[in-house]
């Protein structure tokens, strides 16, 4: 499982993306709350409630 920190231009942490053993990627905000999941097998991104956001990896669009 790999973790990638997402930071703004000043270096402040915005969130993290963790790649799970099954290939799915989870986006969490800086407080650790789940924001969404990308499934490379279906090529779909879903928000924290499971609603479809769109095709492809759109995780970073879920950070506000």
Protein backbone atom coordinates (compact mmCIF):
# COMPACT_ATOMS: atom_id res chain seq x y z
CA UNK A 1 0.00 0.00 0.00
CA UNK A 2 1.46 3.30 -1.12
CA UNK A 3 0.54 6.72 0.22
CA UNK A 4 0.90 9.98 -1.66
CA UNK A 5 0.57 13.33 0.10
CA UNK A 6 -1.20 16.12 -1.77
CA UNK A 7 0.09 19.58 -0.89
CA UNK A 8 -0.61 23.10 -2.02
CA UNK A 9 2.11 25.40 -3.34
CA UNK A 10 3.04 26.52 0.19
CA UNK A 11 3.52 22.93 1.33
CA UNK A 12 0.34 22.68 3.41
CA UNK A 13 -1.18 19.20 3.41
CA UNK A 14 -4.48 19.03 1.48
CA UNK A 15 -5.01 15.29 1.69
CA UNK A 16 -3.60 11.86 0.90
CA UNK A 17 -4.20 9.19 -1.72
CA UNK A 18 -3.62 5.62 -0.58
CA UNK A 19 -3.37 2.78 -3.08
CA UNK A 20 -4.79 -0.43 -1.63
CA UNK A 21 -3.58 -3.95 -2.45
CA UNK A 22 -6.51 -4.44 -4.88
CA UNK A 23 -5.45 -1.34 -6.85
CA UNK A 24 -8.25 0.92 -5.60
CA UNK A 25 -7.21 4.40 -4.51
CA UNK A 26 -8.76 6.19 -1.53
CA UNK A 27 -8.66 9.96 -1.13
CA UNK A 28 -8.74 11.36 2.39
CA UNK A 29 -8.69 15.01 3.36
CA UNK A 30 -6.18 16.47 5.81
CA UNK A 31 -8.34 15.38 8.76
CA UNK A 32 -8.47 11.77 7.55
CA UNK A 33 -12.08 11.84 6.33
CA UNK A 34 -12.77 9.72 3.26
CA UNK A 35 -13.59 11.90 0.23
CA UNK A 36 -13.74 9.29 -2.56
CA UNK A 37 -12.51 6.09 -4.16
CA UNK A 38 -11.14 5.37 -7.63
CA UNK A 39 -11.45 1.80 -8.97
CA UNK A 40 -9.06 1.21 -11.90
CA UNK A 41 -10.90 -2.00 -12.91
CA UNK A 42 -14.13 -0.12 -13.63
CA UNK A 43 -12.28 3.17 -14.38
CA UNK A 44 -14.77 5.00 -12.15
CA UNK A 45 -14.45 7.51 -9.33
CA UNK A 46 -17.07 7.52 -6.59
CA UNK A 47 -17.53 9.99 -3.74
CA UNK A 48 -17.70 9.08 -0.04
CA UNK A 49 -21.37 8.11 -0.34
CA UNK A 50 -20.74 5.78 -3.29
CA UNK A 51 -22.27 8.12 -5.87
CA UNK A 52 -20.60 8.09 -9.28
CA UNK A 53 -18.45 11.17 -9.91
CA UNK A 54 -17.34 10.14 -13.40
CA UNK A 55 -15.08 8.01 -15.55
CA UNK A 56 -11.35 8.05 -14.94
CA UNK A 57 -9.39 9.06 -11.88
CA UNK A 58 -11.10 12.25 -10.65
CA UNK A 59 -10.02 12.03 -7.01
CA UNK A 60 -8.24 15.37 -6.86
CA UNK A 61 -11.42 17.11 -8.05
CA UNK A 62 -13.05 16.01 -4.77
CA UNK A 63 -10.69 18.17 -2.67
CA UNK A 64 -12.26 21.55 -1.96
